[in-house]
Amino acid sequence: MADNNNGFIDLDPKILDAISGGVMTQDEENTLLDNLKAIKSMGISLDTIWQQLPAFYDIYKSSYPNITYEDVEGFIKKNWDSL
């Protein structure tokens, strides 16, 4: 960021992450992990997850508005096999 004379201000990177998404709290991760465990225990496949992800994300973001679709997608990719 530049100086204030040019109309720019310095912002902490944590503030920028919160604005643009990409910051999952431990509570949000735990909730998503619990949901994924339940889904997998019902025998629902990862292919089905990808097909239903847009609808699931719409529900999830109503409780966690700072989480992006990409955050949820990346979390699933990272954690699905270890559930």
N, C-alpha and C. Protein backbone atom coordinates (compact mmCIF):
# COMPACT_ATOMS: atom_id res chain seq x y z
N MET A 1 0.83 -1.16 0.00
CA MET A 1 0.00 0.00 0.00
C MET A 1 0.89 1.24 0.00
N ALA A 2 0.38 2.31 -0.47
CA ALA A 2 1.14 3.56 -0.55
C ALA A 2 0.78 4.47 0.61
N ASP A 3 1.24 5.71 0.53
CA ASP A 3 0.97 6.66 1.61
C ASP A 3 -0.41 7.30 1.47
N ASN A 4 -0.83 7.98 2.50
CA ASN A 4 -2.16 8.60 2.52
C ASN A 4 -2.29 9.76 1.54
N ASN A 5 -1.18 10.38 1.12
CA ASN A 5 -1.25 11.49 0.18
C ASN A 5 -1.77 11.07 -1.19
N ASN A 6 -1.60 9.82 -1.51
CA ASN A 6 -2.08 9.30 -2.79
C ASN A 6 -3.43 8.60 -2.68
N GLY A 7 -4.04 8.68 -1.53
CA GLY A 7 -5.35 8.07 -1.36
C GLY A 7 -5.31 6.62 -0.93
N PHE A 8 -4.14 6.10 -0.62
CA PHE A 8 -4.02 4.72 -0.17
C PHE A 8 -3.72 4.69 1.32
N ILE A 9 -4.13 3.62 1.95
CA ILE A 9 -3.80 3.44 3.36
C ILE A 9 -3.19 2.06 3.55
N ASP A 10 -2.42 1.91 4.61
CA ASP A 10 -1.87 0.60 4.94
C ASP A 10 -2.90 -0.21 5.70
N LEU A 11 -3.12 -1.44 5.25
CA LEU A 11 -4.03 -2.34 5.94
C LEU A 11 -3.27 -3.59 6.35
N ASP A 12 -3.55 -4.04 7.54
CA ASP A 12 -2.96 -5.27 8.04
C ASP A 12 -3.42 -6.43 7.16
N PRO A 13 -2.52 -7.36 6.79
CA PRO A 13 -2.93 -8.50 5.96
C PRO A 13 -4.07 -9.32 6.56
N LYS A 14 -4.16 -9.40 7.88
CA LYS A 14 -5.26 -10.13 8.51
C LYS A 14 -6.60 -9.47 8.21
N ILE A 15 -6.61 -8.16 8.16
CA ILE A 15 -7.85 -7.44 7.82
C ILE A 15 -8.22 -7.72 6.37
N LEU A 16 -7.25 -7.71 5.50
CA LEU A 16 -7.53 -8.00 4.08
C LEU A 16 -8.05 -9.41 3.90
N ASP A 17 -7.48 -10.38 4.61
CA ASP A 17 -7.97 -11.76 4.52
C ASP A 17 -9.42 -11.85 4.97
N ALA A 18 -9.76 -11.17 6.04
CA ALA A 18 -11.13 -11.22 6.55
C ALA A 18 -12.12 -10.60 5.56
N ILE A 19 -11.67 -9.58 4.84
CA ILE A 19 -12.54 -8.93 3.85
C ILE A 19 -12.75 -9.83 2.65
N SER A 20 -11.68 -10.48 2.20
CA SER A 20 -11.76 -11.26 0.97
C SER A 20 -12.02 -12.73 1.19
N GLY A 21 -12.19 -13.15 2.42
CA GLY A 21 -12.36 -14.57 2.71
C GLY A 21 -11.01 -15.19 3.00
N GLY A 22 -11.00 -16.49 3.13
CA GLY A 22 -9.75 -17.17 3.34
C GLY A 22 -9.37 -17.34 4.80
N VAL A 23 -10.22 -16.90 5.70
CA VAL A 23 -9.92 -17.04 7.11
C VAL A 23 -10.99 -17.92 7.75
N MET A 24 -10.63 -19.17 7.98
CA MET A 24 -11.55 -20.08 8.66
C MET A 24 -11.14 -20.14 10.12
N THR A 25 -12.09 -19.86 11.00
CA THR A 25 -11.80 -20.00 12.41
C THR A 25 -11.83 -21.48 12.79
N GLN A 26 -11.33 -21.80 13.95
CA GLN A 26 -11.36 -23.18 14.41
C GLN A 26 -12.79 -23.69 14.52
N ASP A 27 -13.70 -22.83 14.97
CA ASP A 27 -15.11 -23.21 15.07
C ASP A 27 -15.68 -23.56 13.70
N GLU A 28 -15.36 -22.76 12.70
CA GLU A 28 -15.84 -23.02 11.34
C GLU A 28 -15.26 -24.31 10.79
N GLU A 29 -13.97 -24.53 11.03
CA GLU A 29 -13.35 -25.78 10.59
C GLU A 29 -13.98 -26.98 11.27
N ASN A 30 -14.22 -26.88 12.57
CA ASN A 30 -14.83 -27.99 13.31
C ASN A 30 -16.23 -28.30 12.80
N THR A 31 -17.01 -27.25 12.54
CA THR A 31 -18.37 -27.44 12.03
C THR A 31 -18.34 -28.12 10.67
N LEU A 32 -17.49 -27.65 9.80
CA LEU A 32 -17.39 -28.24 8.47
C LEU A 32 -16.89 -29.68 8.55
N LEU A 33 -15.92 -29.93 9.41
CA LEU A 33 -15.40 -31.28 9.58
C LEU A 33 -16.47 -32.23 10.10
N ASP A 34 -17.25 -31.78 11.07
CA ASP A 34 -18.35 -32.60 11.60
C ASP A 34 -19.37 -32.91 10.51
N ASN A 35 -19.70 -31.91 9.69
CA ASN A 35 -20.65 -32.13 8.60
C ASN A 35 -20.10 -33.14 7.59
N LEU A 36 -18.82 -33.01 7.26
CA LEU A 36 -18.22 -33.93 6.30
C LEU A 36 -18.17 -35.35 6.83
N LYS A 37 -17.86 -35.51 8.12
CA LYS A 37 -17.85 -36.84 8.73
C LYS A 37 -19.23 -37.48 8.64
N ALA A 38 -20.26 -36.70 8.95
CA ALA A 38 -21.63 -37.21 8.89
C ALA A 38 -22.00 -37.61 7.47
N ILE A 39 -21.64 -36.78 6.52
CA ILE A 39 -21.93 -37.06 5.11
C ILE A 39 -21.22 -38.34 4.66
N LYS A 40 -19.95 -38.46 5.00
CA LYS A 40 -19.18 -39.64 4.59
C LYS A 40 -19.69 -40.90 5.27
N SER A 41 -20.10 -40.78 6.53
CA SER A 41 -20.61 -41.95 7.26
C SER A 41 -21.93 -42.46 6.67
N MET A 42 -22.64 -41.61 5.96
CA MET A 42 -23.88 -42.02 5.29
C MET A 42 -23.60 -42.68 3.94
N GLY A 43 -22.32 -42.75 3.57
CA GLY A 43 -21.97 -43.39 2.31
C GLY A 43 -22.06 -42.48 1.11
N ILE A 44 -22.14 -41.20 1.33
CA ILE A 44 -22.21 -40.25 0.23
C ILE A 44 -20.81 -40.06 -0.35
N SER A 45 -20.70 -40.18 -1.66
CA SER A 45 -19.40 -40.14 -2.32
C SER A 45 -18.89 -38.72 -2.49
N LEU A 46 -17.60 -38.62 -2.73
CA LEU A 46 -16.99 -37.32 -2.99
C LEU A 46 -17.54 -36.72 -4.28
N ASP A 47 -17.80 -37.56 -5.27
CA ASP A 47 -18.40 -37.06 -6.52
C ASP A 47 -19.74 -36.38 -6.25
N THR A 48 -20.53 -36.97 -5.37
CA THR A 48 -21.81 -36.37 -5.01
C THR A 48 -21.61 -35.06 -4.27
N ILE A 49 -20.59 -35.02 -3.42
CA ILE A 49 -20.26 -33.78 -2.71
C ILE A 49 -20.00 -32.66 -3.72
N TRP A 50 -19.16 -32.94 -4.72
CA TRP A 50 -18.83 -31.90 -5.71
C TRP A 50 -20.07 -31.45 -6.47
N GLN A 51 -20.98 -32.38 -6.75
CA GLN A 51 -22.21 -32.01 -7.46
C GLN A 51 -23.11 -31.13 -6.59
N GLN A 52 -23.13 -31.39 -5.30
CA GLN A 52 -24.02 -30.68 -4.38
C GLN A 52 -23.35 -29.49 -3.69
N LEU A 53 -22.06 -29.27 -3.93
CA LEU A 53 -21.33 -28.23 -3.20
C LEU A 53 -21.93 -26.83 -3.36
N PRO A 54 -22.37 -26.42 -4.53
CA PRO A 54 -22.97 -25.08 -4.62
C PRO A 54 -24.16 -24.89 -3.68
N ALA A 55 -25.02 -25.88 -3.59
CA ALA A 55 -26.18 -25.78 -2.70
C ALA A 55 -25.74 -25.83 -1.24
N PHE A 56 -24.81 -26.72 -0.92
CA PHE A 56 -24.30 -26.81 0.45
C PHE A 56 -23.63 -25.50 0.85
N TYR A 57 -22.85 -24.94 -0.05
CA TYR A 57 -22.15 -23.69 0.26
C TYR A 57 -23.14 -22.56 0.53
N ASP A 58 -24.22 -22.50 -0.22
CA ASP A 58 -25.23 -21.46 0.02
C ASP A 58 -25.79 -21.55 1.43
N ILE A 59 -25.99 -22.76 1.93
CA ILE A 59 -26.48 -22.95 3.29
C ILE A 59 -25.39 -22.59 4.29
N TYR A 60 -24.19 -23.06 4.04
CA TYR A 60 -23.06 -22.87 4.97
C TYR A 60 -22.71 -21.39 5.11
N LYS A 61 -22.72 -20.65 4.00
CA LYS A 61 -22.31 -19.25 4.06
C LYS A 61 -23.30 -18.38 4.82
N SER A 62 -24.53 -18.84 4.98
CA SER A 62 -25.49 -18.05 5.76
C SER A 62 -25.07 -17.98 7.23
N SER A 63 -24.39 -19.01 7.72
CA SER A 63 -23.88 -19.00 9.09
C SER A 63 -22.46 -18.47 9.17
N TYR A 64 -21.71 -18.60 8.09
CA TYR A 64 -20.30 -18.20 8.06
C TYR A 64 -20.04 -17.33 6.83
N PRO A 65 -20.47 -16.08 6.85
CA PRO A 65 -20.41 -15.24 5.66
C PRO A 65 -19.00 -14.87 5.18
N ASN A 66 -17.99 -15.03 6.01
CA ASN A 66 -16.63 -14.67 5.59
C ASN A 66 -15.91 -15.80 4.87
N ILE A 67 -16.53 -16.97 4.79
CA ILE A 67 -15.90 -18.11 4.15
C ILE A 67 -16.27 -18.12 2.67
N THR A 68 -15.26 -18.28 1.83
CA THR A 68 -15.50 -18.32 0.39
C THR A 68 -15.78 -19.75 -0.08
N TYR A 69 -16.33 -19.85 -1.25
CA TYR A 69 -16.56 -21.15 -1.88
C TYR A 69 -15.23 -21.90 -2.00
N GLU A 70 -14.19 -21.18 -2.38
CA GLU A 70 -12.87 -21.78 -2.54
C GLU A 70 -12.32 -22.29 -1.22
N ASP A 71 -12.63 -21.60 -0.11
CA ASP A 71 -12.22 -22.06 1.22
C ASP A 71 -12.83 -23.43 1.52
N VAL A 72 -14.12 -23.55 1.27
CA VAL A 72 -14.83 -24.80 1.55
C VAL A 72 -14.32 -25.90 0.62
N GLU A 73 -14.18 -25.59 -0.64
CA GLU A 73 -13.68 -26.57 -1.61
C GLU A 73 -12.29 -27.07 -1.21
N GLY A 74 -11.39 -26.16 -0.87
CA GLY A 74 -10.04 -26.54 -0.47
C GLY A 74 -10.03 -27.36 0.81
N PHE A 75 -10.89 -27.01 1.75
CA PHE A 75 -10.98 -27.75 3.00
C PHE A 75 -11.42 -29.18 2.75
N ILE A 76 -12.40 -29.35 1.88
CA ILE A 76 -12.88 -30.70 1.56
C ILE A 76 -11.77 -31.51 0.90
N LYS A 77 -11.09 -30.92 -0.07
CA LYS A 77 -9.99 -31.62 -0.75
C LYS A 77 -8.91 -32.04 0.23
N LYS A 78 -8.61 -31.17 1.16
CA LYS A 78 -7.55 -31.43 2.13
C LYS A 78 -7.92 -32.51 3.14
N ASN A 79 -9.20 -32.58 3.52
CA ASN A 79 -9.59 -33.42 4.64
C ASN A 79 -10.40 -34.68 4.31
N TRP A 80 -10.96 -34.79 3.14
CA TRP A 80 -11.89 -35.89 2.83
C TRP A 80 -11.27 -37.26 3.04
N ASP A 81 -10.08 -37.49 2.54
CA ASP A 81 -9.48 -38.81 2.63
C ASP A 81 -9.17 -39.23 4.06
N SER A 82 -8.97 -38.29 4.95
CA SER A 82 -8.61 -38.63 6.33
C SER A 82 -9.82 -38.80 7.25
N LEU A 83 -11.01 -38.61 6.71
CA LEU A 83 -12.23 -38.76 7.55
C LEU A 83 -12.55 -40.23 7.80
